Amino acid sequence: MLYQDGQEVLRAKLGEPQELAELLNRFAAHTEPDIEKFEHAVEEFKLRVPDLAKGLVQKIEHAHKTD
């Protein structure tokens, strides 16, 4: 029996190689919802880094000119 996210997802007989392979594949491919959200946030942050860096460079340059 395979449970994911608190629900039964699949039942497999140990004597049935195809069923067991399917269960193991689902187990290995599963991503917890919290992890999935975190990975999505990381991808969004990667997209924002160049703009954040440009803004920081501008602030540093401005500080060098005015201080």
PDB file of N, CA and C in Angstrom:
ATOM      1  N   MET A   1       0.831  -1.168   0.000  1.00  0.00           N
ATOM      2  CA  MET A   1       0.000   0.000   0.000  1.00  0.00           C
ATOM      3  C   MET A   1       0.880   1.237   0.000  1.00  0.00           C
ATOM      4  N   LEU A   2       0.516   2.203  -0.812  1.00  0.00           N
ATOM      5  CA  LEU A   2       1.260   3.455  -0.880  1.00  0.00           C
ATOM      6  C   LEU A   2       0.345   4.591  -0.469  1.00  0.00           C
ATOM      7  N   TYR A   3       0.765   5.309   0.564  1.00  0.00           N
ATOM      8  CA  TYR A   3       0.037   6.494   1.016  1.00  0.00           C
ATOM      9  C   TYR A   3       0.867   7.723   0.696  1.00  0.00           C
ATOM     10  N   GLN A   4       0.208   8.732   0.139  1.00  0.00           N
ATOM     11  CA  GLN A   4       0.860  10.011  -0.120  1.00  0.00           C
ATOM     12  C   GLN A   4      -0.120  11.120   0.219  1.00  0.00           C
ATOM     13  N   ASP A   5       0.364  12.128   0.892  1.00  0.00           N
ATOM     14  CA  ASP A   5      -0.463  13.263   1.298  1.00  0.00           C
ATOM     15  C   ASP A   5      -1.678  12.808   2.109  1.00  0.00           C
ATOM     16  N   GLY A   6      -1.488  11.776   2.936  1.00  0.00           N
ATOM     17  CA  GLY A   6      -2.545  11.306   3.815  1.00  0.00           C
ATOM     18  C   GLY A   6      -3.615  10.461   3.159  1.00  0.00           C
ATOM     19  N   GLN A   7      -3.402  10.070   1.911  1.00  0.00           N
ATOM     20  CA  GLN A   7      -4.402   9.269   1.205  1.00  0.00           C
ATOM     21  C   GLN A   7      -3.755   8.037   0.583  1.00  0.00           C
ATOM     22  N   GLU A   8      -4.532   6.971   0.515  1.00  0.00           N
ATOM     23  CA  GLU A   8      -4.046   5.784  -0.170  1.00  0.00           C
ATOM     24  C   GLU A   8      -4.040   6.073  -1.668  1.00  0.00           C
ATOM     25  N   VAL A   9      -2.902   5.830  -2.281  1.00  0.00           N
ATOM     26  CA  VAL A   9      -2.743   6.114  -3.702  1.00  0.00           C
ATOM     27  C   VAL A   9      -2.766   4.838  -4.534  1.00  0.00           C
ATOM     28  N   LEU A  10      -2.166   3.789  -4.001  1.00  0.00           N
ATOM     29  CA  LEU A  10      -2.020   2.574  -4.804  1.00  0.00           C
ATOM     30  C   LEU A  10      -1.804   1.367  -3.898  1.00  0.00           C
ATOM     31  N   ARG A  11      -2.374   0.250  -4.328  1.00  0.00           N
ATOM     32  CA  ARG A  11      -2.111  -1.041  -3.682  1.00  0.00           C
ATOM     33  C   ARG A  11      -1.441  -1.928  -4.716  1.00  0.00           C
ATOM     34  N   ALA A  12      -0.450  -2.669  -4.256  1.00  0.00           N
ATOM     35  CA  ALA A  12       0.261  -3.567  -5.166  1.00  0.00           C
ATOM     36  C   ALA A  12       0.525  -4.888  -4.456  1.00  0.00           C
ATOM     37  N   LYS A  13       0.466  -5.950  -5.225  1.00  0.00           N
ATOM     38  CA  LYS A  13       0.793  -7.274  -4.708  1.00  0.00           C
ATOM     39  C   LYS A  13       2.296  -7.488  -4.890  1.00  0.00           C
ATOM     40  N   LEU A  14       2.942  -7.949  -3.827  1.00  0.00           N
ATOM     41  CA  LEU A  14       4.387  -8.148  -3.899  1.00  0.00           C
ATOM     42  C   LEU A  14       4.778  -9.190  -4.946  1.00  0.00           C
ATOM     43  N   GLY A  15       3.880 -10.101  -5.267  1.00  0.00           N
ATOM     44  CA  GLY A  15       4.168 -11.125  -6.267  1.00  0.00           C
ATOM     45  C   GLY A  15       3.950 -10.667  -7.704  1.00  0.00           C
ATOM     46  N   GLU A  16       3.481  -9.436  -7.887  1.00  0.00           N
ATOM     47  CA  GLU A  16       3.225  -8.900  -9.231  1.00  0.00           C
ATOM     48  C   GLU A  16       4.265  -7.826  -9.554  1.00  0.00           C
ATOM     49  N   PRO A  17       5.281  -8.186 -10.340  1.00  0.00           N
ATOM     50  CA  PRO A  17       6.376  -7.239 -10.614  1.00  0.00           C
ATOM     51  C   PRO A  17       5.918  -5.910 -11.219  1.00  0.00           C
ATOM     52  N   GLN A  18       4.934  -5.944 -12.111  1.00  0.00           N
ATOM     53  CA  GLN A  18       4.468  -4.696 -12.735  1.00  0.00           C
ATOM     54  C   GLN A  18       3.818  -3.776 -11.701  1.00  0.00           C
ATOM     55  N   GLU A  19       3.000  -4.343 -10.847  1.00  0.00           N
ATOM     56  CA  GLU A  19       2.335  -3.545  -9.823  1.00  0.00           C
ATOM     57  C   GLU A  19       3.353  -2.981  -8.834  1.00  0.00           C
ATOM     58  N   LEU A  20       4.284  -3.814  -8.438  1.00  0.00           N
ATOM     59  CA  LEU A  20       5.307  -3.369  -7.501  1.00  0.00           C
ATOM     60  C   LEU A  20       6.178  -2.273  -8.114  1.00  0.00           C
ATOM     61  N   ALA A  21       6.512  -2.418  -9.384  1.00  0.00           N
ATOM     62  CA  ALA A  21       7.304  -1.394 -10.080  1.00  0.00           C
ATOM     63  C   ALA A  21       6.535  -0.075 -10.137  1.00  0.00           C
ATOM     64  N   GLU A  22       5.246  -0.128 -10.414  1.00  0.00           N
ATOM     65  CA  GLU A  22       4.415   1.077 -10.453  1.00  0.00           C
ATOM     66  C   GLU A  22       4.394   1.757  -9.088  1.00  0.00           C
ATOM     67  N   LEU A  23       4.237   0.978  -8.036  1.00  0.00           N
ATOM     68  CA  LEU A  23       4.224   1.530  -6.687  1.00  0.00           C
ATOM     69  C   LEU A  23       5.560   2.206  -6.365  1.00  0.00           C
ATOM     70  N   LEU A  24       6.646   1.549  -6.680  1.00  0.00           N
ATOM     71  CA  LEU A  24       7.968   2.115  -6.397  1.00  0.00           C
ATOM     72  C   LEU A  24       8.229   3.370  -7.232  1.00  0.00           C
ATOM     73  N   ASN A  25       7.789   3.362  -8.471  1.00  0.00           N
ATOM     74  CA  ASN A  25       7.956   4.548  -9.316  1.00  0.00           C
ATOM     75  C   ASN A  25       7.163   5.730  -8.769  1.00  0.00           C
ATOM     76  N   ARG A  26       5.941   5.490  -8.346  1.00  0.00           N
ATOM     77  CA  ARG A  26       5.136   6.575  -7.762  1.00  0.00           C
ATOM     78  C   ARG A  26       5.760   7.086  -6.473  1.00  0.00           C
ATOM     79  N   PHE A  27       6.271   6.154  -5.661  1.00  0.00           N
ATOM     80  CA  PHE A  27       6.915   6.546  -4.419  1.00  0.00           C
ATOM     81  C   PHE A  27       8.123   7.445  -4.697  1.00  0.00           C
ATOM     82  N   ALA A  28       8.952   7.038  -5.646  1.00  0.00           N
ATOM     83  CA  ALA A  28      10.180   7.781  -5.942  1.00  0.00           C
ATOM     84  C   ALA A  28       9.900   9.129  -6.611  1.00  0.00           C
ATOM     85  N   ALA A  29       8.815   9.217  -7.368  1.00  0.00           N
ATOM     86  CA  ALA A  29       8.518  10.443  -8.107  1.00  0.00           C
ATOM     87  C   ALA A  29       7.729  11.468  -7.295  1.00  0.00           C
ATOM     88  N   HIS A  30       7.230  11.057  -6.147  1.00  0.00           N
ATOM     89  CA  HIS A  30       6.367  11.941  -5.356  1.00  0.00           C
ATOM     90  C   HIS A  30       7.152  13.077  -4.710  1.00  0.00           C
ATOM     91  N   THR A  31       6.565  14.264  -4.736  1.00  0.00           N
ATOM     92  CA  THR A  31       7.132  15.419  -4.050  1.00  0.00           C
ATOM     93  C   THR A  31       6.094  15.944  -3.075  1.00  0.00           C
ATOM     94  N   GLU A  32       6.486  16.104  -1.830  1.00  0.00           N
ATOM     95  CA  GLU A  32       5.578  16.639  -0.816  1.00  0.00           C
ATOM     96  C   GLU A  32       5.155  18.048  -1.209  1.00  0.00           C
ATOM     97  N   PRO A  33       3.905  18.420  -0.925  1.00  0.00           N
ATOM     98  CA  PRO A  33       3.420  19.750  -1.306  1.00  0.00           C
ATOM     99  C   PRO A  33       4.278  20.890  -0.764  1.00  0.00           C
ATOM    100  N   ASP A  34       4.766  20.788   0.465  1.00  0.00           N
ATOM    101  CA  ASP A  34       5.617  21.854   1.013  1.00  0.00           C
ATOM    102  C   ASP A  34       6.922  21.987   0.240  1.00  0.00           C
ATOM    103  N   ILE A  35       7.478  20.865  -0.160  1.00  0.00           N
ATOM    104  CA  ILE A  35       8.721  20.878  -0.940  1.00  0.00           C
ATOM    105  C   ILE A  35       8.452  21.479  -2.319  1.00  0.00           C
ATOM    106  N   GLU A  36       7.340  21.121  -2.908  1.00  0.00           N
ATOM    107  CA  GLU A  36       6.977  21.643  -4.224  1.00  0.00           C
ATOM    108  C   GLU A  36       6.819  23.160  -4.175  1.00  0.00           C
ATOM    109  N   LYS A  37       6.174  23.663  -3.116  1.00  0.00           N
ATOM    110  CA  LYS A  37       6.019  25.111  -2.953  1.00  0.00           C
ATOM    111  C   LYS A  37       7.373  25.785  -2.793  1.00  0.00           C
ATOM    112  N   PHE A  38       8.255  25.163  -2.008  1.00  0.00           N
ATOM    113  CA  PHE A  38       9.584  25.721  -1.796  1.00  0.00           C
ATOM    114  C   PHE A  38      10.354  25.778  -3.118  1.00  0.00           C
ATOM    115  N   GLU A  39      10.307  24.695  -3.884  1.00  0.00           N
ATOM    116  CA  GLU A  39      11.019  24.660  -5.165  1.00  0.00           C
ATOM    117  C   GLU A  39      10.475  25.729  -6.110  1.00  0.00           C
ATOM    118  N   HIS A  40       9.166  25.947  -6.080  1.00  0.00           N
ATOM    119  CA  HIS A  40       8.564  26.997  -6.906  1.00  0.00           C
ATOM    120  C   HIS A  40       9.081  28.368  -6.464  1.00  0.00           C
ATOM    121  N   ALA A  41       9.157  28.594  -5.154  1.00  0.00           N
ATOM    122  CA  ALA A  41       9.657  29.869  -4.634  1.00  0.00           C
ATOM    123  C   ALA A  41      11.117  30.083  -5.039  1.00  0.00           C
ATOM    124  N   VAL A  42      11.917  29.035  -5.021  1.00  0.00           N
ATOM    125  CA  VAL A  42      13.320  29.136  -5.434  1.00  0.00           C
ATOM    126  C   VAL A  42      13.406  29.541  -6.899  1.00  0.00           C
ATOM    127  N   GLU A  43      12.592  28.939  -7.741  1.00  0.00           N
ATOM    128  CA  GLU A  43      12.600  29.285  -9.169  1.00  0.00           C
ATOM    129  C   GLU A  43      12.204  30.749  -9.380  1.00  0.00           C
ATOM    130  N   GLU A  44      11.190  31.217  -8.662  1.00  0.00           N
ATOM    131  CA  GLU A  44      10.792  32.624  -8.768  1.00  0.00           C
ATOM    132  C   GLU A  44      11.916  33.543  -8.316  1.00  0.00           C
ATOM    133  N   PHE A  45      12.594  33.175  -7.234  1.00  0.00           N
ATOM    134  CA  PHE A  45      13.692  33.992  -6.729  1.00  0.00           C
ATOM    135  C   PHE A  45      14.821  34.063  -7.753  1.00  0.00           C
ATOM    136  N   LYS A  46      15.121  32.939  -8.416  1.00  0.00           N
ATOM    137  CA  LYS A  46      16.164  32.932  -9.452  1.00  0.00           C
ATOM    138  C   LYS A  46      15.844  33.947 -10.547  1.00  0.00           C
ATOM    139  N   LEU A  47      14.580  34.060 -10.895  1.00  0.00           N
ATOM    140  CA  LEU A  47      14.181  35.012 -11.928  1.00  0.00           C
ATOM    141  C   LEU A  47      14.337  36.458 -11.456  1.00  0.00           C
ATOM    142  N   ARG A  48      14.178  36.703 -10.175  1.00  0.00           N
ATOM    143  CA  ARG A  48      14.250  38.060  -9.622  1.00  0.00           C
ATOM    144  C   ARG A  48      15.672  38.520  -9.312  1.00  0.00           C
ATOM    145  N   VAL A  49      16.598  37.608  -9.147  1.00  0.00           N
ATOM    146  CA  VAL A  49      17.953  37.960  -8.733  1.00  0.00           C
ATOM    147  C   VAL A  49      18.596  39.003  -9.648  1.00  0.00           C
ATOM    148  N   PRO A  50      18.537  38.887 -10.966  1.00  0.00           N
ATOM    149  CA  PRO A  50      19.181  39.911 -11.804  1.00  0.00           C
ATOM    150  C   PRO A  50      18.640  41.324 -11.532  1.00  0.00           C
ATOM    151  N   ASP A  51      17.339  41.463 -11.392  1.00  0.00           N
ATOM    152  CA  ASP A  51      16.769  42.783 -11.116  1.00  0.00           C
ATOM    153  C   ASP A  51      17.177  43.283  -9.735  1.00  0.00           C
ATOM    154  N   LEU A  52      17.190  42.390  -8.770  1.00  0.00           N
ATOM    155  CA  LEU A  52      17.625  42.772  -7.424  1.00  0.00           C
ATOM    156  C   LEU A  52      19.085  43.221  -7.432  1.00  0.00           C
ATOM    157  N   ALA A  53      19.913  42.517  -8.174  1.00  0.00           N
ATOM    158  CA  ALA A  53      21.334  42.864  -8.256  1.00  0.00           C
ATOM    159  C   ALA A  53      21.518  44.226  -8.931  1.00  0.00           C
ATOM    160  N   LYS A  54      20.778  44.500  -9.985  1.00  0.00           N
ATOM    161  CA  LYS A  54      20.871  45.805 -10.656  1.00  0.00           C
ATOM    162  C   LYS A  54      20.495  46.925  -9.696  1.00  0.00           C
ATOM    163  N   GLY A  55      19.437  46.718  -8.945  1.00  0.00           N
ATOM    164  CA  GLY A  55      19.014  47.725  -7.974  1.00  0.00           C
ATOM    165  C   GLY A  55      20.080  47.959  -6.912  1.00  0.00           C
ATOM    166  N   LEU A  56      20.704  46.895  -6.467  1.00  0.00           N
ATOM    167  CA  LEU A  56      21.756  47.016  -5.466  1.00  0.00           C
ATOM    168  C   LEU A  56      22.963  47.761  -6.029  1.00  0.00           C
ATOM    169  N   VAL A  57      23.340  47.445  -7.254  1.00  0.00           N
ATOM    170  CA  VAL A  57      24.466  48.133  -7.898  1.00  0.00           C
ATOM    171  C   VAL A  57      24.166  49.628  -8.009  1.00  0.00           C
ATOM    172  N   GLN A  58      22.940  49.968  -8.396  1.00  0.00           N
ATOM    173  CA  GLN A  58      22.561  51.372  -8.501  1.00  0.00           C
ATOM    174  C   GLN A  58      22.659  52.076  -7.152  1.00  0.00           C
ATOM    175  N   LYS A  59      22.216  51.440  -6.107  1.00  0.00           N
ATOM    176  CA  LYS A  59      22.290  52.030  -4.760  1.00  0.00           C
ATOM    177  C   LYS A  59      23.749  52.229  -4.336  1.00  0.00           C
ATOM    178  N   ILE A  60      24.594  51.256  -4.619  1.00  0.00           N
ATOM    179  CA  ILE A  60      26.015  51.364  -4.260  1.00  0.00           C
ATOM    180  C   ILE A  60      26.664  52.498  -5.042  1.00  0.00           C
ATOM    181  N   GLU A  61      26.391  52.569  -6.347  1.00  0.00           N
ATOM    182  CA  GLU A  61      26.955  53.638  -7.173  1.00  0.00           C
ATOM    183  C   GLU A  61      26.491  55.009  -6.682  1.00  0.00           C
ATOM    184  N   HIS A  62      25.215  55.112  -6.337  1.00  0.00           N
ATOM    185  CA  HIS A  62      24.682  56.370  -5.827  1.00  0.00           C
ATOM    186  C   HIS A  62      25.360  56.736  -4.502  1.00  0.00           C
ATOM    187  N   ALA A  63      25.548  55.762  -3.638  1.00  0.00           N
ATOM    188  CA  ALA A  63      26.215  56.019  -2.370  1.00  0.00           C
ATOM    189  C   ALA A  63      27.659  56.481  -2.564  1.00  0.00           C
ATOM    190  N   HIS A  64      28.357  55.918  -3.541  1.00  0.00           N
ATOM    191  CA  HIS A  64      29.741  56.321  -3.814  1.00  0.00           C
ATOM    192  C   HIS A  64      29.783  57.765  -4.306  1.00  0.00           C
ATOM    193  N   LYS A  65      28.804  58.148  -5.091  1.00  0.00           N
ATOM    194  CA  LYS A  65      28.780  59.516  -5.646  1.00  0.00           C
ATOM    195  C   LYS A  65      28.397  60.546  -4.581  1.00  0.00           C
ATOM    196  N   THR A  66      27.523  60.185  -3.678  1.00  0.00           N
ATOM    197  CA  THR A  66      26.992  61.170  -2.722  1.00  0.00           C
ATOM    198  C   THR A  66      27.694  61.142  -1.363  1.00  0.00           C
ATOM    199  N   ASP A  67      28.439  60.099  -1.060  1.00  0.00           N
ATOM    200  CA  ASP A  67      29.114  60.035   0.252  1.00  0.00           C
ATOM    201  C   ASP A  67      30.592  60.235   0.108  1.00  0.00           C
TER     202      ASP A  67
END
